[in-house]
Amino acid sequence: MTAPQGPLVVGVDSSTQSTKVLVVDAGTGDVVARGQAAHTVTGDQRRESDPQEWWQALREALAQCGPAAAEAAAVSVAGQQHGLVTLDAQGVPVRPALLWNDVRSAPQRDRLVAELGGPGEWAERIGSVPLPAYTVTKWAWLRENEPQAAAAAAAVRLPHDFLTERLTGRAVTDRGDASGTGWWSSAQQAYDEKVLELAELDPQLLPEVLAPGEAAGTVGEVAGWEPSGLPEGTLVATGTGDNMAAALGLGLRPGRPVVSLGTSGTVYAVSPHRPTDPSGTVSGFADARADWLPLACTLNCTLAVDRVAELLGRDREAVDPAGETVLLPFLDGERTPDFPYATGLLTGLRHATSGGQLLQAAYDGAVFTLLQALDRVLN
């Protein structure tokens, strides 16, 4: 490794499927090392992961960065939004985390929306109408279906909060990731007492929400956990949710939307105005600074396309020009449109339909709703 021109900083992306790490020379912007380690996602209709795997994946990805990681001056964690992490009094997960694309909490979502006064009330208070992806609905599901696990929880965290706390020993989060829980009010920029009461969640279980730019702490030894591989004393930023981090990294300014095709498909833009969409199509998130991040998201994107490619025995790039086939790839229900109980639908087959046309239809179906939502995100 050549001598850096500035301090080395570490960026962490803990996503649904893997943890990725970049070590960057802050003086030049050059990437000097990188690492990646996979996660396990279990279940068919359910989507769960062991948070301890995220920690081990972070340690493994940092180890792949070699001596560069040991010279880091600062680190920040971005994580998949909405996941419900429940910890006992020793900071050990009570059960596997419920991931954002686990939609078993649809009945609890319906109840919570009604009990607060309907979609309009949610949009005005929280900034979003909760979907089964949101953390508040997952907590309600856990209380109803696994009350012993809920009772054992001494702390409730988001995925990025969990990793930040493992690094620092401090329970903190940021306004961006907190805005995707359903229990943080965008109107008050604080936890919403009424929603917490409806969800039967003690606010003492939640992390402190830090201001934009406020440091979470420094890397230290956390009892019961193996060292991260970063030097003690490394500055730890608050971090944020993955979409907020992407908007920050891209330097987004109002009026310039992003369409992102990953495990989920998202379309979002930075806005100076607080979003309040009562239809629920646009989620009114906060960004990682002091603005807002109106966002629409689909559950079924690359995972659905990859599944169709697997069924066809084709490479994911082996498409043919589109024919008459239409494929709605709602393999895990859907978030946009709000059809959590939906299944996939294939229509328009002909004798001449090729496997490549079917795969192209899967791509088309995955992006169609995002393109429809684009105008609403920009309004």
Protein backbone atom coordinates (compact mmCIF):
# COMPACT_ATOMS: atom_id res chain seq x y z
CA MET A 1 0.00 0.00 0.00
CA THR A 2 1.40 3.39 -0.99
CA ALA A 3 1.56 6.11 1.65
CA PRO A 4 -1.89 7.76 1.95
CA GLN A 5 -2.20 11.49 1.37
CA GLY A 6 -4.91 11.81 4.00
CA PRO A 7 -6.40 9.77 6.83
CA LEU A 8 -7.88 6.38 5.95
CA VAL A 9 -11.63 6.06 6.47
CA VAL A 10 -13.74 2.90 6.37
CA GLY A 11 -17.19 2.67 4.84
CA VAL A 12 -19.38 -0.34 5.69
CA ASP A 13 -22.49 -1.50 3.81
CA SER A 14 -24.34 -4.22 5.70
CA SER A 15 -27.03 -5.24 3.22
CA THR A 16 -29.53 -8.07 3.07
CA GLN A 17 -27.12 -10.49 1.42
CA SER A 18 -23.61 -9.41 2.46
CA THR A 19 -21.38 -6.93 4.25
CA LYS A 20 -19.04 -4.87 2.07
CA VAL A 21 -16.16 -2.73 3.30
CA LEU A 22 -14.12 -0.05 1.53
CA VAL A 23 -11.02 1.61 2.97
CA VAL A 24 -10.61 5.02 1.32
CA ASP A 25 -7.83 7.58 1.37
CA ALA A 26 -9.70 10.70 2.49
CA GLY A 27 -7.04 12.88 0.89
CA THR A 28 -7.46 11.54 -2.65
CA GLY A 29 -10.72 9.55 -2.61
CA ASP A 30 -8.82 6.46 -3.77
CA VAL A 31 -10.01 3.05 -2.61
CA VAL A 32 -6.97 1.39 -1.03
CA ALA A 33 -8.60 -1.87 0.14
CA ARG A 34 -11.90 -3.70 0.05
CA GLY A 35 -13.55 -6.79 1.51
CA GLN A 36 -16.87 -8.63 1.38
CA ALA A 37 -18.51 -11.48 3.28
CA ALA A 38 -21.91 -13.08 2.75
CA HIS A 39 -24.90 -13.37 5.10
CA THR A 40 -27.41 -16.19 5.36
CA VAL A 41 -31.08 -15.34 4.85
CA THR A 42 -33.40 -18.11 6.00
CA GLY A 43 -37.02 -18.87 5.28
CA ASP A 44 -39.44 -18.98 2.39
CA GLN A 45 -42.34 -16.71 3.30
CA ARG A 46 -40.26 -15.43 6.21
CA ARG A 47 -36.99 -13.55 5.84
CA GLU A 48 -34.65 -13.73 8.82
CA SER A 49 -30.91 -13.43 9.54
CA ASP A 50 -28.80 -13.94 12.64
CA PRO A 51 -27.34 -10.50 13.57
CA GLN A 52 -24.23 -12.23 14.87
CA GLU A 53 -23.55 -13.21 11.24
CA TRP A 54 -23.50 -9.50 10.33
CA TRP A 55 -20.86 -8.91 12.99
CA GLN A 56 -18.75 -11.86 11.86
CA ALA A 57 -19.14 -10.75 8.22
CA LEU A 58 -17.92 -7.28 9.18
CA ARG A 59 -14.88 -8.77 10.94
CA GLU A 60 -14.16 -11.00 7.94
CA ALA A 61 -14.51 -8.15 5.43
CA LEU A 62 -12.21 -5.95 7.52
CA ALA A 63 -9.65 -8.76 7.74
CA GLN A 64 -9.64 -8.95 3.93
CA CYS A 65 -8.56 -5.29 3.88
CA GLY A 66 -5.25 -6.22 5.51
CA PRO A 67 -3.11 -3.54 7.17
CA ALA A 68 -5.20 -0.72 5.72
CA ALA A 69 -8.04 -1.42 8.17
CA ALA A 70 -5.60 -1.32 11.08
CA GLU A 71 -4.65 2.26 10.12
CA ALA A 72 -8.23 3.57 9.93
CA ALA A 73 -8.97 6.92 11.52
CA ALA A 74 -12.76 6.73 11.20
CA VAL A 75 -15.54 4.30 10.26
CA SER A 76 -19.23 4.61 9.38
CA VAL A 77 -21.86 1.89 8.98
CA ALA A 78 -24.78 1.94 6.55
CA GLY A 79 -27.31 -0.86 6.92
CA GLN A 80 -30.44 -2.33 5.43
CA GLN A 81 -33.48 -0.43 6.66
CA HIS A 82 -36.40 -1.58 8.82
CA GLY A 83 -34.96 -4.85 10.21
CA LEU A 84 -36.05 -5.72 13.76
CA VAL A 85 -33.13 -6.68 16.00
CA THR A 86 -34.04 -7.73 19.56
CA LEU A 87 -31.29 -8.06 22.17
CA ASP A 88 -31.21 -9.41 25.72
CA ALA A 89 -29.63 -7.63 28.69
CA GLN A 90 -26.16 -8.85 27.62
CA GLY A 91 -26.57 -7.49 24.09
CA VAL A 92 -27.03 -10.97 22.56
CA PRO A 93 -29.81 -11.41 19.96
CA VAL A 94 -32.97 -12.93 21.41
CA ARG A 95 -33.90 -14.43 18.04
CA PRO A 96 -32.96 -13.96 14.37
CA ALA A 97 -33.68 -10.49 13.02
CA LEU A 98 -36.86 -9.98 11.02
CA LEU A 99 -35.67 -8.42 7.77
CA TRP A 100 -37.35 -5.62 5.84
CA ASN A 101 -38.66 -8.01 3.14
CA ASP A 102 -40.44 -10.25 5.64
CA VAL A 103 -44.12 -9.34 5.17
CA ARG A 104 -45.74 -11.63 7.75
CA SER A 105 -46.71 -8.54 9.73
CA ALA A 106 -49.37 -7.41 7.19
CA PRO A 107 -52.27 -8.10 9.63
CA GLN A 108 -50.53 -6.13 12.38
CA ARG A 109 -49.90 -3.29 9.93
CA ASP A 110 -53.62 -3.14 9.13
CA ARG A 111 -54.47 -2.97 12.82
CA LEU A 112 -51.94 -0.26 13.61
CA VAL A 113 -53.04 1.91 10.68
CA ALA A 114 -56.64 1.71 11.83
CA GLU A 115 -55.94 2.28 15.53
CA LEU A 116 -53.99 5.50 14.98
CA GLY A 117 -56.78 6.93 12.85
CA GLY A 118 -56.05 5.84 9.29
CA PRO A 119 -53.45 6.52 6.59
CA GLY A 120 -53.80 10.30 6.69
CA GLU A 121 -52.99 10.44 10.39
CA TRP A 122 -49.93 8.24 9.91
CA ALA A 123 -48.67 10.33 7.01
CA GLU A 124 -49.09 13.57 8.95
CA ARG A 125 -47.45 12.35 12.19
CA ILE A 126 -44.85 9.86 10.98
CA GLY A 127 -44.37 11.00 7.38
CA SER A 128 -45.20 7.53 6.04
CA VAL A 129 -48.07 5.08 6.09
CA PRO A 130 -46.47 1.92 7.50
CA LEU A 131 -46.05 -1.13 5.32
CA PRO A 132 -45.29 -4.68 6.48
CA ALA A 133 -41.64 -3.86 5.82
CA TYR A 134 -41.57 -1.31 8.64
CA THR A 135 -40.09 -2.12 12.02
CA VAL A 136 -43.16 -1.10 14.03
CA THR A 137 -45.29 -3.75 12.30
CA LYS A 138 -42.64 -6.41 12.94
CA TRP A 139 -42.53 -5.57 16.65
CA ALA A 140 -46.33 -5.89 16.78
CA TRP A 141 -46.05 -9.25 14.99
CA LEU A 142 -43.44 -10.43 17.50
CA ARG A 143 -45.59 -9.45 20.46
CA GLU A 144 -48.56 -11.37 19.07
CA ASN A 145 -46.76 -14.44 17.74
CA GLU A 146 -43.69 -14.81 19.96
CA PRO A 147 -44.56 -13.04 23.23
CA GLN A 148 -41.74 -14.74 25.14
CA ALA A 149 -39.16 -13.35 22.71
CA ALA A 150 -40.69 -9.88 22.94
CA ALA A 151 -40.69 -10.05 26.73
CA ALA A 152 -37.01 -11.10 26.73
CA ALA A 153 -35.98 -8.07 24.67
CA ALA A 154 -34.00 -5.54 26.69
CA ALA A 155 -33.12 -3.53 23.58
CA VAL A 156 -34.61 -2.99 20.11
CA ARG A 157 -32.28 -1.97 17.31
CA LEU A 158 -32.02 -1.56 13.54
CA PRO A 159 -29.27 -3.47 11.70
CA HIS A 160 -26.92 -0.49 11.38
CA ASP A 161 -27.54 0.43 15.04
CA PHE A 162 -26.58 -3.09 16.07
CA LEU A 163 -23.20 -2.92 14.34
CA THR A 164 -22.46 0.61 15.56
CA GLU A 165 -23.21 -0.50 19.12
CA ARG A 166 -20.90 -3.50 18.73
CA LEU A 167 -18.11 -1.11 17.73
CA THR A 168 -18.66 1.52 20.39
CA GLY A 169 -20.74 0.02 23.20
CA ARG A 170 -23.16 2.95 22.77
CA ALA A 171 -26.85 2.63 21.79
CA VAL A 172 -27.40 5.28 19.13
CA THR A 173 -29.03 5.77 15.75
CA ASP A 174 -29.64 8.63 13.29
CA ARG A 175 -32.76 10.41 12.04
CA GLY A 176 -32.49 8.81 8.58
CA ASP A 177 -32.66 5.19 9.67
CA ALA A 178 -35.02 6.00 12.56
CA SER A 179 -37.48 7.51 10.09
CA GLY A 180 -38.04 4.05 8.58
CA THR A 181 -39.16 2.41 11.82
CA GLY A 182 -42.70 3.81 11.90
CA TRP A 183 -42.27 4.98 15.51
CA TRP A 184 -40.17 8.10 14.79
CA SER A 185 -42.24 11.19 14.01
CA SER A 186 -41.02 13.28 11.10
CA ALA A 187 -43.32 16.07 12.32
CA GLN A 188 -41.72 16.20 15.79
CA GLN A 189 -38.36 14.64 14.84
CA ALA A 190 -38.61 12.42 17.89
CA TYR A 191 -40.05 9.06 18.90
CA ASP A 192 -43.86 9.19 18.74
CA GLU A 193 -45.33 8.34 22.14
CA LYS A 194 -48.77 7.46 20.76
CA VAL A 195 -47.37 4.98 18.21
CA LEU A 196 -45.12 3.39 20.85
CA GLU A 197 -48.16 3.01 23.08
CA LEU A 198 -50.18 1.33 20.32
CA ALA A 199 -47.26 -0.99 19.54
CA GLU A 200 -46.67 -1.67 23.25
CA LEU A 201 -43.01 -0.75 22.99
CA ASP A 202 -41.16 0.79 25.92
CA PRO A 203 -39.13 3.79 24.64
CA GLN A 204 -36.35 2.82 27.06
CA LEU A 205 -35.58 -0.10 24.72
CA LEU A 206 -34.72 2.27 21.84
CA PRO A 207 -31.41 3.95 20.97
CA GLU A 208 -30.73 7.66 21.26
CA VAL A 209 -31.24 9.55 17.99
CA LEU A 210 -28.16 11.66 17.31
CA ALA A 211 -28.07 14.88 15.31
CA PRO A 212 -26.61 14.87 11.77
CA GLY A 213 -22.82 14.83 11.92
CA GLU A 214 -22.68 13.85 15.60
CA ALA A 215 -20.22 11.03 16.30
CA ALA A 216 -21.44 7.79 17.82
CA GLY A 217 -18.19 7.30 19.76
CA THR A 218 -14.96 5.41 19.25
CA VAL A 219 -14.05 1.78 18.67
CA GLY A 220 -13.55 -0.04 21.95
CA GLU A 221 -13.73 -3.49 23.48
CA VAL A 222 -17.37 -4.52 23.98
CA ALA A 223 -17.87 -7.22 26.61
CA GLY A 224 -18.66 -10.64 25.19
CA TRP A 225 -17.79 -9.75 21.59
CA GLU A 226 -14.63 -10.45 19.60
CA PRO A 227 -12.58 -7.43 18.48
CA SER A 228 -13.62 -5.91 15.16
CA GLY A 229 -10.15 -5.61 13.62
CA LEU A 230 -10.23 -1.81 13.74
CA PRO A 231 -7.84 -0.04 16.11
CA GLU A 232 -9.20 1.07 19.45
CA GLY A 233 -10.00 4.76 19.46
CA THR A 234 -11.09 4.86 15.80
CA LEU A 235 -13.81 7.49 15.43
CA VAL A 236 -17.24 5.96 14.68
CA ALA A 237 -19.81 8.07 12.82
CA THR A 238 -23.52 7.73 13.56
CA GLY A 239 -24.08 5.92 10.27
CA THR A 240 -27.50 5.64 8.65
CA GLY A 241 -29.78 3.50 6.51
CA ASP A 242 -28.58 2.22 3.15
CA ASN A 243 -30.75 4.50 1.02
CA MET A 244 -29.82 7.57 3.05
CA ALA A 245 -26.14 6.67 2.76
CA ALA A 246 -26.46 6.24 -1.00
CA ALA A 247 -28.11 9.65 -1.36
CA LEU A 248 -25.37 11.23 0.74
CA GLY A 249 -22.58 9.50 -1.16
CA LEU A 250 -24.06 10.56 -4.51
CA GLY A 251 -24.26 14.16 -3.36
CA LEU A 252 -27.95 14.32 -4.29
CA ARG A 253 -29.64 17.67 -4.44
CA PRO A 254 -33.38 18.37 -4.83
CA GLY A 255 -34.85 17.50 -8.22
CA ARG A 256 -32.35 14.76 -9.15
CA PRO A 257 -33.92 11.32 -8.60
CA VAL A 258 -32.15 7.97 -8.31
CA VAL A 259 -33.45 4.60 -9.47
CA SER A 260 -31.62 1.76 -7.71
CA LEU A 261 -32.03 -1.89 -8.68
CA GLY A 262 -30.82 -4.25 -5.97
CA THR A 263 -32.43 -6.85 -3.72
CA SER A 264 -35.14 -4.23 -3.58
CA GLY A 265 -35.87 -1.64 -6.23
CA THR A 266 -36.00 1.95 -5.04
CA VAL A 267 -36.58 5.38 -6.48
CA TYR A 268 -35.84 8.40 -4.32
CA ALA A 269 -34.79 12.04 -4.28
CA VAL A 270 -33.67 14.59 -1.71
CA SER A 271 -36.27 17.24 -0.84
CA PRO A 272 -36.32 20.30 1.46
CA HIS A 273 -40.01 19.58 2.12
CA ARG A 274 -41.28 16.96 4.57
CA PRO A 275 -43.21 14.28 2.59
CA THR A 276 -46.69 13.25 3.77
CA ASP A 277 -48.23 10.92 1.18
CA PRO A 278 -51.49 9.41 2.59
CA SER A 279 -51.63 6.89 -0.28
CA GLY A 280 -48.56 5.17 1.17
CA THR A 281 -46.82 5.00 -2.21
CA VAL A 282 -44.08 7.40 -1.12
CA SER A 283 -42.34 6.87 2.20
CA GLY A 284 -41.47 10.14 3.90
CA PHE A 285 -38.01 9.34 5.21
CA ALA A 286 -35.46 11.74 6.62
CA ASP A 287 -32.08 11.88 4.92
CA ALA A 288 -28.66 11.65 6.59
CA ARG A 289 -28.38 15.44 6.89
CA ALA A 290 -31.22 17.84 7.67
CA ASP A 291 -33.43 17.32 4.60
CA TRP A 292 -35.88 14.61 3.55
CA LEU A 293 -35.79 11.54 1.33
CA PRO A 294 -39.16 10.72 -0.30
CA LEU A 295 -38.79 7.13 -1.51
CA ALA A 296 -40.80 4.40 -3.21
CA CYS A 297 -39.65 0.79 -2.95
CA THR A 298 -40.49 -2.59 -4.46
CA LEU A 299 -39.77 -5.86 -2.67
CA ASN A 300 -39.26 -7.90 -5.82
CA CYS A 301 -36.30 -6.73 -7.86
CA THR A 302 -33.04 -8.62 -8.49
CA LEU A 303 -34.04 -11.54 -6.27
CA ALA A 304 -37.19 -12.05 -8.35
CA VAL A 305 -35.29 -11.71 -11.64
CA ASP A 306 -32.64 -14.16 -10.43
CA ARG A 307 -35.33 -16.64 -9.37
CA VAL A 308 -36.97 -16.49 -12.81
CA ALA A 309 -33.55 -16.96 -14.46
CA GLU A 310 -32.93 -19.96 -12.21
CA LEU A 311 -36.29 -21.53 -13.09
CA LEU A 312 -35.49 -21.07 -16.79
CA GLY A 313 -31.93 -22.37 -16.41
CA ARG A 314 -30.58 -19.17 -17.98
CA ASP A 315 -27.92 -16.63 -17.10
CA ARG A 316 -29.50 -13.43 -15.75
CA GLU A 317 -28.25 -11.53 -18.83
CA ALA A 318 -29.67 -14.03 -21.36
CA VAL A 319 -32.71 -12.01 -22.43
CA ASP A 320 -34.46 -11.68 -25.79
CA PRO A 321 -36.37 -8.66 -27.12
CA ALA A 322 -39.71 -8.38 -25.36
CA GLY A 323 -42.78 -10.10 -26.79
CA GLU A 324 -46.38 -10.14 -25.55
CA THR A 325 -45.58 -11.79 -22.22
CA VAL A 326 -46.31 -9.87 -19.01
CA LEU A 327 -44.81 -11.00 -15.69
CA LEU A 328 -45.73 -9.42 -12.37
CA PRO A 329 -42.89 -10.76 -10.20
CA PHE A 330 -44.61 -10.41 -6.81
CA LEU A 331 -42.89 -13.53 -5.49
CA ASP A 332 -42.80 -12.23 -1.90
CA GLY A 333 -45.94 -10.12 -1.91
CA GLU A 334 -45.29 -6.48 -2.76
CA ARG A 335 -44.71 -3.15 -1.10
CA THR A 336 -45.35 -0.88 -4.10
CA PRO A 337 -48.14 -1.48 -4.94
CA ASP A 338 -49.24 -2.36 -1.41
CA PHE A 339 -50.17 -6.02 -2.00
CA PRO A 340 -48.45 -7.99 0.80
CA TYR A 341 -50.56 -11.10 0.09
CA ALA A 342 -49.93 -11.07 -3.67
CA THR A 343 -48.22 -13.81 -5.66
CA GLY A 344 -46.51 -13.69 -9.05
CA LEU A 345 -48.57 -13.61 -12.24
CA LEU A 346 -47.54 -14.64 -15.77
CA THR A 347 -49.77 -13.97 -18.77
CA GLY A 348 -49.53 -13.54 -22.54
CA LEU A 349 -47.75 -16.83 -23.32
CA ARG A 350 -47.57 -17.98 -26.95
CA HIS A 351 -46.02 -21.01 -28.68
CA ALA A 352 -43.36 -18.67 -29.96
CA THR A 353 -42.54 -17.20 -26.52
CA SER A 354 -38.87 -17.78 -25.72
CA GLY A 355 -37.17 -18.20 -22.36
CA GLY A 356 -35.31 -14.98 -23.03
CA GLN A 357 -38.59 -13.12 -23.48
CA LEU A 358 -39.86 -14.49 -20.16
CA LEU A 359 -36.72 -13.26 -18.45
CA GLN A 360 -37.04 -9.85 -20.10
CA ALA A 361 -40.63 -9.72 -18.84
CA ALA A 362 -39.32 -10.29 -15.31
CA TYR A 363 -37.01 -7.30 -15.68
CA ASP A 364 -39.82 -5.19 -17.10
CA GLY A 365 -42.16 -6.15 -14.26
CA ALA A 366 -39.53 -5.32 -11.65
CA VAL A 367 -39.02 -1.74 -12.83
CA PHE A 368 -42.55 -0.86 -14.00
CA THR A 369 -43.88 0.25 -10.62
CA LEU A 370 -40.76 2.21 -9.84
CA LEU A 371 -41.16 4.22 -13.02
CA GLN A 372 -44.81 4.84 -12.12
CA ALA A 373 -43.77 6.07 -8.67
CA LEU A 374 -41.10 8.44 -9.98
CA ASP A 375 -43.46 11.39 -10.53
CA ARG A 376 -44.91 11.05 -7.03
CA VAL A 377 -41.43 11.04 -5.48
CA LEU A 378 -40.53 14.29 -7.27
CA ASN A 379 -43.76 16.07 -6.29
